[in-house]
Amino acid sequence: TNTPLLDVHNLIADRYEKDGKGVVDNYFNSARDPTHRNPLGAAVDAELTLSALRALKGPAFDAFLSAKGRGVPAAEAKYVFPNTP
């Protein structure tokens, strides 16, 4: 279907590296649980995922977003890959 691939994993990892351990620790339920995000961490990950979606070329889906969602800037193009045969 030639659907582009979004590298959300590396987008999140790069953000976490930029924010640093002191900030990122606040995104998880506890220091012993580095997997499950709390509401703050989930919001950060959701915003980053939306930024990847906003980086896609083609018709915008802004009509389906809240004002806050429309304010999320697009991710860098390096996080979007073509998926062509």
PDB file of N, CA and C in Angstrom:
ATOM      1  N   THR A   1       0.813  -1.207   0.000  1.00  0.00           N
ATOM      2  CA  THR A   1       0.000   0.000   0.000  1.00  0.00           C
ATOM      3  C   THR A   1       0.852   1.265   0.000  1.00  0.00           C
ATOM      4  N   ASN A   2       2.161   1.116   0.040  1.00  0.00           N
ATOM      5  CA  ASN A   2       3.082   2.260   0.063  1.00  0.00           C
ATOM      6  C   ASN A   2       2.842   3.174   1.257  1.00  0.00           C
ATOM      7  N   THR A   3       2.404   2.616   2.350  1.00  0.00           N
ATOM      8  CA  THR A   3       2.171   3.382   3.573  1.00  0.00           C
ATOM      9  C   THR A   3       3.507   3.704   4.232  1.00  0.00           C
ATOM     10  N   PRO A   4       3.790   4.976   4.485  1.00  0.00           N
ATOM     11  CA  PRO A   4       5.071   5.328   5.114  1.00  0.00           C
ATOM     12  C   PRO A   4       5.213   4.703   6.497  1.00  0.00           C
ATOM     13  N   LEU A   5       6.448   4.484   6.890  1.00  0.00           N
ATOM     14  CA  LEU A   5       6.750   3.956   8.215  1.00  0.00           C
ATOM     15  C   LEU A   5       7.197   5.104   9.114  1.00  0.00           C
ATOM     16  N   LEU A   6       6.672   5.121  10.327  1.00  0.00           N
ATOM     17  CA  LEU A   6       7.030   6.154  11.294  1.00  0.00           C
ATOM     18  C   LEU A   6       7.946   5.539  12.338  1.00  0.00           C
ATOM     19  N   ASP A   7       9.102   6.111  12.527  1.00  0.00           N
ATOM     20  CA  ASP A   7      10.074   5.599  13.495  1.00  0.00           C
ATOM     21  C   ASP A   7       9.824   6.242  14.859  1.00  0.00           C
ATOM     22  N   VAL A   8       8.698   5.870  15.457  1.00  0.00           N
ATOM     23  CA  VAL A   8       8.310   6.444  16.740  1.00  0.00           C
ATOM     24  C   VAL A   8       9.268   5.997  17.839  1.00  0.00           C
ATOM     25  N   HIS A   9       9.774   4.787  17.721  1.00  0.00           N
ATOM     26  CA  HIS A   9      10.708   4.280  18.732  1.00  0.00           C
ATOM     27  C   HIS A   9      11.907   5.214  18.884  1.00  0.00           C
ATOM     28  N   ASN A  10      12.572   5.515  17.779  1.00  0.00           N
ATOM     29  CA  ASN A  10      13.757   6.379  17.848  1.00  0.00           C
ATOM     30  C   ASN A  10      13.391   7.825  18.147  1.00  0.00           C
ATOM     31  N   LEU A  11      12.217   8.263  17.716  1.00  0.00           N
ATOM     32  CA  LEU A  11      11.758   9.609  18.044  1.00  0.00           C
ATOM     33  C   LEU A  11      11.631   9.761  19.558  1.00  0.00           C
ATOM     34  N   ILE A  12      11.011   8.776  20.205  1.00  0.00           N
ATOM     35  CA  ILE A  12      10.870   8.807  21.658  1.00  0.00           C
ATOM     36  C   ILE A  12      12.236   8.676  22.334  1.00  0.00           C
ATOM     37  N   ALA A  13      13.061   7.753  21.850  1.00  0.00           N
ATOM     38  CA  ALA A  13      14.389   7.553  22.449  1.00  0.00           C
ATOM     39  C   ALA A  13      15.221   8.831  22.364  1.00  0.00           C
ATOM     40  N   ASP A  14      15.183   9.508  21.220  1.00  0.00           N
ATOM     41  CA  ASP A  14      15.950  10.743  21.063  1.00  0.00           C
ATOM     42  C   ASP A  14      15.445  11.821  22.024  1.00  0.00           C
ATOM     43  N   ARG A  15      14.137  11.893  22.203  1.00  0.00           N
ATOM     44  CA  ARG A  15      13.573  12.887  23.133  1.00  0.00           C
ATOM     45  C   ARG A  15      13.995  12.572  24.560  1.00  0.00           C
ATOM     46  N   TYR A  16      13.940  11.283  24.929  1.00  0.00           N
ATOM     47  CA  TYR A  16      14.323  10.901  26.283  1.00  0.00           C
ATOM     48  C   TYR A  16      15.797  11.212  26.538  1.00  0.00           C
ATOM     49  N   GLU A  17      16.648  10.970  25.548  1.00  0.00           N
ATOM     50  CA  GLU A  17      18.067  11.295  25.699  1.00  0.00           C
ATOM     51  C   GLU A  17      18.254  12.794  25.873  1.00  0.00           C
ATOM     52  N   LYS A  18      17.504  13.585  25.116  1.00  0.00           N
ATOM     53  CA  LYS A  18      17.601  15.043  25.205  1.00  0.00           C
ATOM     54  C   LYS A  18      17.112  15.529  26.574  1.00  0.00           C
ATOM     55  N   ASP A  19      16.005  14.959  27.051  1.00  0.00           N
ATOM     56  CA  ASP A  19      15.445  15.388  28.333  1.00  0.00           C
ATOM     57  C   ASP A  19      16.328  15.007  29.509  1.00  0.00           C
ATOM     58  N   GLY A  20      17.005  13.880  29.406  1.00  0.00           N
ATOM     59  CA  GLY A  20      17.880  13.422  30.483  1.00  0.00           C
ATOM     60  C   GLY A  20      17.159  12.583  31.518  1.00  0.00           C
ATOM     61  N   LYS A  21      17.930  11.790  32.232  1.00  0.00           N
ATOM     62  CA  LYS A  21      17.388  10.834  33.194  1.00  0.00           C
ATOM     63  C   LYS A  21      16.534  11.496  34.268  1.00  0.00           C
ATOM     64  N   GLY A  22      16.952  12.635  34.763  1.00  0.00           N
ATOM     65  CA  GLY A  22      16.207  13.313  35.820  1.00  0.00           C
ATOM     66  C   GLY A  22      14.786  13.662  35.418  1.00  0.00           C
ATOM     67  N   VAL A  23      14.594  14.042  34.166  1.00  0.00           N
ATOM     68  CA  VAL A  23      13.257  14.370  33.660  1.00  0.00           C
ATOM     69  C   VAL A  23      12.509  13.093  33.287  1.00  0.00           C
ATOM     70  N   VAL A  24      13.186  12.215  32.577  1.00  0.00           N
ATOM     71  CA  VAL A  24      12.537  10.993  32.083  1.00  0.00           C
ATOM     72  C   VAL A  24      12.059  10.101  33.221  1.00  0.00           C
ATOM     73  N   ASP A  25      12.755  10.089  34.338  1.00  0.00           N
ATOM     74  CA  ASP A  25      12.298   9.291  35.484  1.00  0.00           C
ATOM     75  C   ASP A  25      10.874   9.665  35.900  1.00  0.00           C
ATOM     76  N   ASN A  26      10.469  10.900  35.641  1.00  0.00           N
ATOM     77  CA  ASN A  26       9.121  11.351  35.981  1.00  0.00           C
ATOM     78  C   ASN A  26       8.055  10.816  35.034  1.00  0.00           C
ATOM     79  N   TYR A  27       8.450  10.161  33.953  1.00  0.00           N
ATOM     80  CA  TYR A  27       7.506   9.636  32.960  1.00  0.00           C
ATOM     81  C   TYR A  27       7.039   8.221  33.299  1.00  0.00           C
ATOM     82  N   PHE A  28       7.635   7.604  34.312  1.00  0.00           N
ATOM     83  CA  PHE A  28       7.339   6.200  34.626  1.00  0.00           C
ATOM     84  C   PHE A  28       6.721   6.071  36.010  1.00  0.00           C
ATOM     85  N   ASN A  29       6.029   4.950  36.224  1.00  0.00           N
ATOM     86  CA  ASN A  29       5.349   4.707  37.495  1.00  0.00           C
ATOM     87  C   ASN A  29       6.319   4.680  38.668  1.00  0.00           C
ATOM     88  N   SER A  30       7.476   4.051  38.463  1.00  0.00           N
ATOM     89  CA  SER A  30       8.471   3.985  39.523  1.00  0.00           C
ATOM     90  C   SER A  30       9.820   3.657  38.917  1.00  0.00           C
ATOM     91  N   ALA A  31      10.875   3.836  39.694  1.00  0.00           N
ATOM     92  CA  ALA A  31      12.225   3.516  39.217  1.00  0.00           C
ATOM     93  C   ALA A  31      12.366   2.020  38.949  1.00  0.00           C
ATOM     94  N   ARG A  32      11.576   1.214  39.638  1.00  0.00           N
ATOM     95  CA  ARG A  32      11.644  -0.241  39.446  1.00  0.00           C
ATOM     96  C   ARG A  32      10.832  -0.703  38.232  1.00  0.00           C
ATOM     97  N   ASP A  33      10.073   0.202  37.621  1.00  0.00           N
ATOM     98  CA  ASP A  33       9.239  -0.149  36.476  1.00  0.00           C
ATOM     99  C   ASP A  33       9.560   0.779  35.306  1.00  0.00           C
ATOM    100  N   PRO A  34      10.644   0.488  34.572  1.00  0.00           N
ATOM    101  CA  PRO A  34      11.036   1.359  33.468  1.00  0.00           C
ATOM    102  C   PRO A  34      10.276   1.064  32.168  1.00  0.00           C
ATOM    103  N   THR A  35       9.133   0.405  32.264  1.00  0.00           N
ATOM    104  CA  THR A  35       8.353   0.042  31.085  1.00  0.00           C
ATOM    105  C   THR A  35       7.047   0.816  30.997  1.00  0.00           C
ATOM    106  N   HIS A  36       6.307   0.869  32.099  1.00  0.00           N
ATOM    107  CA  HIS A  36       4.963   1.440  32.081  1.00  0.00           C
ATOM    108  C   HIS A  36       4.987   2.919  32.441  1.00  0.00           C
ATOM    109  N   ARG A  37       4.489   3.720  31.505  1.00  0.00           N
ATOM    110  CA  ARG A  37       4.482   5.164  31.719  1.00  0.00           C
ATOM    111  C   ARG A  37       3.287   5.581  32.575  1.00  0.00           C
ATOM    112  N   ASN A  38       3.482   6.658  33.304  1.00  0.00           N
ATOM    113  CA  ASN A  38       2.386   7.260  34.048  1.00  0.00           C
ATOM    114  C   ASN A  38       1.674   8.225  33.089  1.00  0.00           C
ATOM    115  N   PRO A  39       0.633   8.937  33.536  1.00  0.00           N
ATOM    116  CA  PRO A  39      -0.062   9.845  32.622  1.00  0.00           C
ATOM    117  C   PRO A  39       0.841  10.892  31.964  1.00  0.00           C
ATOM    118  N   LEU A  40       1.826  11.409  32.686  1.00  0.00           N
ATOM    119  CA  LEU A  40       2.746  12.378  32.087  1.00  0.00           C
ATOM    120  C   LEU A  40       3.552  11.730  30.969  1.00  0.00           C
ATOM    121  N   GLY A  41       4.119  10.551  31.221  1.00  0.00           N
ATOM    122  CA  GLY A  41       4.893   9.859  30.201  1.00  0.00           C
ATOM    123  C   GLY A  41       4.047   9.471  28.999  1.00  0.00           C
ATOM    124  N   ALA A  42       2.814   9.043  29.251  1.00  0.00           N
ATOM    125  CA  ALA A  42       1.912   8.689  28.157  1.00  0.00           C
ATOM    126  C   ALA A  42       1.601   9.909  27.301  1.00  0.00           C
ATOM    127  N   ALA A  43       1.433  11.063  27.934  1.00  0.00           N
ATOM    128  CA  ALA A  43       1.151  12.290  27.187  1.00  0.00           C
ATOM    129  C   ALA A  43       2.351  12.692  26.321  1.00  0.00           C
ATOM    130  N   VAL A  44       3.548  12.551  26.858  1.00  0.00           N
ATOM    131  CA  VAL A  44       4.759  12.868  26.082  1.00  0.00           C
ATOM    132  C   VAL A  44       4.855  11.940  24.876  1.00  0.00           C
ATOM    133  N   ASP A  45       4.678  10.637  25.101  1.00  0.00           N
ATOM    134  CA  ASP A  45       4.761   9.676  23.999  1.00  0.00           C
ATOM    135  C   ASP A  45       3.671   9.921  22.956  1.00  0.00           C
ATOM    136  N   ALA A  46       2.467  10.261  23.400  1.00  0.00           N
ATOM    137  CA  ALA A  46       1.370  10.536  22.469  1.00  0.00           C
ATOM    138  C   ALA A  46       1.669  11.774  21.627  1.00  0.00           C
ATOM    139  N   GLU A  47       2.217  12.802  22.261  1.00  0.00           N
ATOM    140  CA  GLU A  47       2.562  14.015  21.517  1.00  0.00           C
ATOM    141  C   GLU A  47       3.639  13.727  20.472  1.00  0.00           C
ATOM    142  N   LEU A  48       4.613  12.914  20.839  1.00  0.00           N
ATOM    143  CA  LEU A  48       5.669  12.562  19.883  1.00  0.00           C
ATOM    144  C   LEU A  48       5.111  11.730  18.733  1.00  0.00           C
ATOM    145  N   THR A  49       4.207  10.820  19.034  1.00  0.00           N
ATOM    146  CA  THR A  49       3.575  10.014  17.983  1.00  0.00           C
ATOM    147  C   THR A  49       2.779  10.919  17.046  1.00  0.00           C
ATOM    148  N   LEU A  50       2.041  11.862  17.603  1.00  0.00           N
ATOM    149  CA  LEU A  50       1.294  12.806  16.774  1.00  0.00           C
ATOM    150  C   LEU A  50       2.245  13.640  15.922  1.00  0.00           C
ATOM    151  N   SER A  51       3.385  14.026  16.464  1.00  0.00           N
ATOM    152  CA  SER A  51       4.338  14.814  15.674  1.00  0.00           C
ATOM    153  C   SER A  51       4.832  14.008  14.471  1.00  0.00           C
ATOM    154  N   ALA A  52       5.002  12.691  14.643  1.00  0.00           N
ATOM    155  CA  ALA A  52       5.400  11.838  13.519  1.00  0.00           C
ATOM    156  C   ALA A  52       4.289  11.787  12.481  1.00  0.00           C
ATOM    157  N   LEU A  53       3.053  11.665  12.930  1.00  0.00           N
ATOM    158  CA  LEU A  53       1.924  11.656  11.993  1.00  0.00           C
ATOM    159  C   LEU A  53       1.823  12.979  11.241  1.00  0.00           C
ATOM    160  N   ARG A  54       2.086  14.061  11.926  1.00  0.00           N
ATOM    161  CA  ARG A  54       2.008  15.384  11.285  1.00  0.00           C
ATOM    162  C   ARG A  54       3.124  15.581  10.261  1.00  0.00           C
ATOM    163  N   ALA A  55       4.171  14.777  10.327  1.00  0.00           N
ATOM    164  CA  ALA A  55       5.276  14.881   9.368  1.00  0.00           C
ATOM    165  C   ALA A  55       4.959  14.196   8.039  1.00  0.00           C
ATOM    166  N   LEU A  56       3.867  13.443   7.998  1.00  0.00           N
ATOM    167  CA  LEU A  56       3.490  12.771   6.754  1.00  0.00           C
ATOM    168  C   LEU A  56       3.091  13.787   5.699  1.00  0.00           C
ATOM    169  N   LYS A  57       3.416  13.477   4.465  1.00  0.00           N
ATOM    170  CA  LYS A  57       2.999  14.319   3.355  1.00  0.00           C
ATOM    171  C   LYS A  57       1.595  13.881   2.938  1.00  0.00           C
ATOM    172  N   GLY A  58       0.857  14.791   2.364  1.00  0.00           N
ATOM    173  CA  GLY A  58      -0.489  14.459   1.910  1.00  0.00           C
ATOM    174  C   GLY A  58      -1.526  15.270   2.659  1.00  0.00           C
ATOM    175  N   PRO A  59      -2.789  14.915   2.472  1.00  0.00           N
ATOM    176  CA  PRO A  59      -3.854  15.695   3.109  1.00  0.00           C
ATOM    177  C   PRO A  59      -3.706  15.709   4.631  1.00  0.00           C
ATOM    178  N   ALA A  60      -3.849  16.869   5.196  1.00  0.00           N
ATOM    179  CA  ALA A  60      -3.761  17.010   6.651  1.00  0.00           C
ATOM    180  C   ALA A  60      -5.034  16.472   7.290  1.00  0.00           C
ATOM    181  N   PHE A  61      -4.916  16.031   8.509  1.00  0.00           N
ATOM    182  CA  PHE A  61      -6.084  15.553   9.245  1.00  0.00           C
ATOM    183  C   PHE A  61      -6.380  16.480  10.415  1.00  0.00           C
ATOM    184  N   ASP A  62      -6.020  17.744  10.246  1.00  0.00           N
ATOM    185  CA  ASP A  62      -6.205  18.727  11.309  1.00  0.00           C
ATOM    186  C   ASP A  62      -7.658  18.850  11.756  1.00  0.00           C
ATOM    187  N   ALA A  63      -8.599  18.600  10.861  1.00  0.00           N
ATOM    188  CA  ALA A  63     -10.018  18.715  11.216  1.00  0.00           C
ATOM    189  C   ALA A  63     -10.393  17.737  12.322  1.00  0.00           C
ATOM    190  N   PHE A  64      -9.618  16.693  12.490  1.00  0.00           N
ATOM    191  CA  PHE A  64      -9.913  15.676  13.493  1.00  0.00           C
ATOM    192  C   PHE A  64      -9.171  15.915  14.809  1.00  0.00           C
ATOM    193  N   LEU A  65      -8.356  16.960  14.863  1.00  0.00           N
ATOM    194  CA  LEU A  65      -7.533  17.234  16.036  1.00  0.00           C
ATOM    195  C   LEU A  65      -8.096  18.381  16.866  1.00  0.00           C
ATOM    196  N   SER A  66      -7.806  18.333  18.137  1.00  0.00           N
ATOM    197  CA  SER A  66      -8.140  19.458  19.010  1.00  0.00           C
ATOM    198  C   SER A  66      -7.182  20.606  18.700  1.00  0.00           C
ATOM    199  N   ALA A  67      -7.462  21.751  19.278  1.00  0.00           N
ATOM    200  CA  ALA A  67      -6.560  22.897  19.097  1.00  0.00           C
ATOM    201  C   ALA A  67      -5.167  22.545  19.601  1.00  0.00           C
ATOM    202  N   LYS A  68      -5.094  21.823  20.719  1.00  0.00           N
ATOM    203  CA  LYS A  68      -3.795  21.409  21.257  1.00  0.00           C
ATOM    204  C   LYS A  68      -3.083  20.489  20.267  1.00  0.00           C
ATOM    205  N   GLY A  69      -3.802  19.558  19.673  1.00  0.00           N
ATOM    206  CA  GLY A  69      -3.216  18.641  18.693  1.00  0.00           C
ATOM    207  C   GLY A  69      -2.720  19.361  17.457  1.00  0.00           C
ATOM    208  N   ARG A  70      -3.474  20.371  17.006  1.00  0.00           N
ATOM    209  CA  ARG A  70      -3.047  21.149  15.839  1.00  0.00           C
ATOM    210  C   ARG A  70      -1.799  21.968  16.141  1.00  0.00           C
ATOM    211  N   GLY A  71      -1.527  22.228  17.420  1.00  0.00           N
ATOM    212  CA  GLY A  71      -0.351  23.001  17.807  1.00  0.00           C
ATOM    213  C   GLY A  71       0.923  22.183  17.913  1.00  0.00           C
ATOM    214  N   VAL A  72       0.814  20.868  17.785  1.00  0.00           N
ATOM    215  CA  VAL A  72       2.006  20.007  17.870  1.00  0.00           C
ATOM    216  C   VAL A  72       2.780  20.121  16.558  1.00  0.00           C
ATOM    217  N   PRO A  73       4.046  20.516  16.615  1.00  0.00           N
ATOM    218  CA  PRO A  73       4.818  20.632  15.376  1.00  0.00           C
ATOM    219  C   PRO A  73       5.165  19.256  14.797  1.00  0.00           C
ATOM    220  N   ALA A  74       5.352  19.229  13.499  1.00  0.00           N
ATOM    221  CA  ALA A  74       5.727  17.988  12.820  1.00  0.00           C
ATOM    222  C   ALA A  74       7.130  17.558  13.230  1.00  0.00           C
ATOM    223  N   ALA A  75       7.326  16.263  13.319  1.00  0.00           N
ATOM    224  CA  ALA A  75       8.652  15.704  13.611  1.00  0.00           C
ATOM    225  C   ALA A  75       9.574  15.930  12.418  1.00  0.00           C
ATOM    226  N   GLU A  76      10.844  15.785  12.665  1.00  0.00           N
ATOM    227  CA  GLU A  76      11.823  15.873  11.578  1.00  0.00           C
ATOM    228  C   GLU A  76      11.569  14.753  10.571  1.00  0.00           C
ATOM    229  N   ALA A  77      11.881  15.022   9.321  1.00  0.00           N
ATOM    230  CA  ALA A  77      11.657  14.056   8.253  1.00  0.00           C
ATOM    231  C   ALA A  77      12.435  12.754   8.463  1.00  0.00           C
ATOM    232  N   LYS A  78      13.498  12.785   9.260  1.00  0.00           N
ATOM    233  CA  LYS A  78      14.306  11.577   9.463  1.00  0.00           C
ATOM    234  C   LYS A  78      13.529  10.467  10.175  1.00  0.00           C
ATOM    235  N   TYR A  79      12.364  10.787  10.730  1.00  0.00           N
ATOM    236  CA  TYR A  79      11.561   9.785  11.431  1.00  0.00           C
ATOM    237  C   TYR A  79      10.453   9.187  10.557  1.00  0.00           C
ATOM    238  N   VAL A  80      10.430   9.563   9.274  1.00  0.00           N
ATOM    239  CA  VAL A  80       9.427   9.040   8.341  1.00  0.00           C
ATOM    240  C   VAL A  80      10.148   8.382   7.170  1.00  0.00           C
ATOM    241  N   PHE A  81       9.805   7.130   6.923  1.00  0.00           N
ATOM    242  CA  PHE A  81      10.464   6.368   5.852  1.00  0.00           C
ATOM    243  C   PHE A  81       9.449   5.924   4.818  1.00  0.00           C
ATOM    244  N   PRO A  82       9.805   6.022   3.534  1.00  0.00           N
ATOM    245  CA  PRO A  82       8.898   5.498   2.507  1.00  0.00           C
ATOM    246  C   PRO A  82       8.829   3.972   2.620  1.00  0.00           C
ATOM    247  N   ASN A  83       7.733   3.431   2.235  1.00  0.00           N
ATOM    248  CA  ASN A  83       7.541   1.977   2.283  1.00  0.00           C
ATOM    249  C   ASN A  83       7.137   1.520   0.893  1.00  0.00           C
ATOM    250  N   THR A  84       8.105   1.547   0.016  1.00  0.00           N
ATOM    251  CA  THR A  84       7.835   1.182  -1.381  1.00  0.00           C
ATOM    252  C   THR A  84       8.557  -0.117  -1.705  1.00  0.00           C
ATOM    253  N   PRO A  85       7.965  -0.861  -2.614  1.00  0.00           N
ATOM    254  CA  PRO A  85       8.600  -2.148  -2.999  1.00  0.00           C
ATOM    255  C   PRO A  85       9.918  -1.968  -3.712  1.00  0.00           C
TER     256      PRO A  85
END
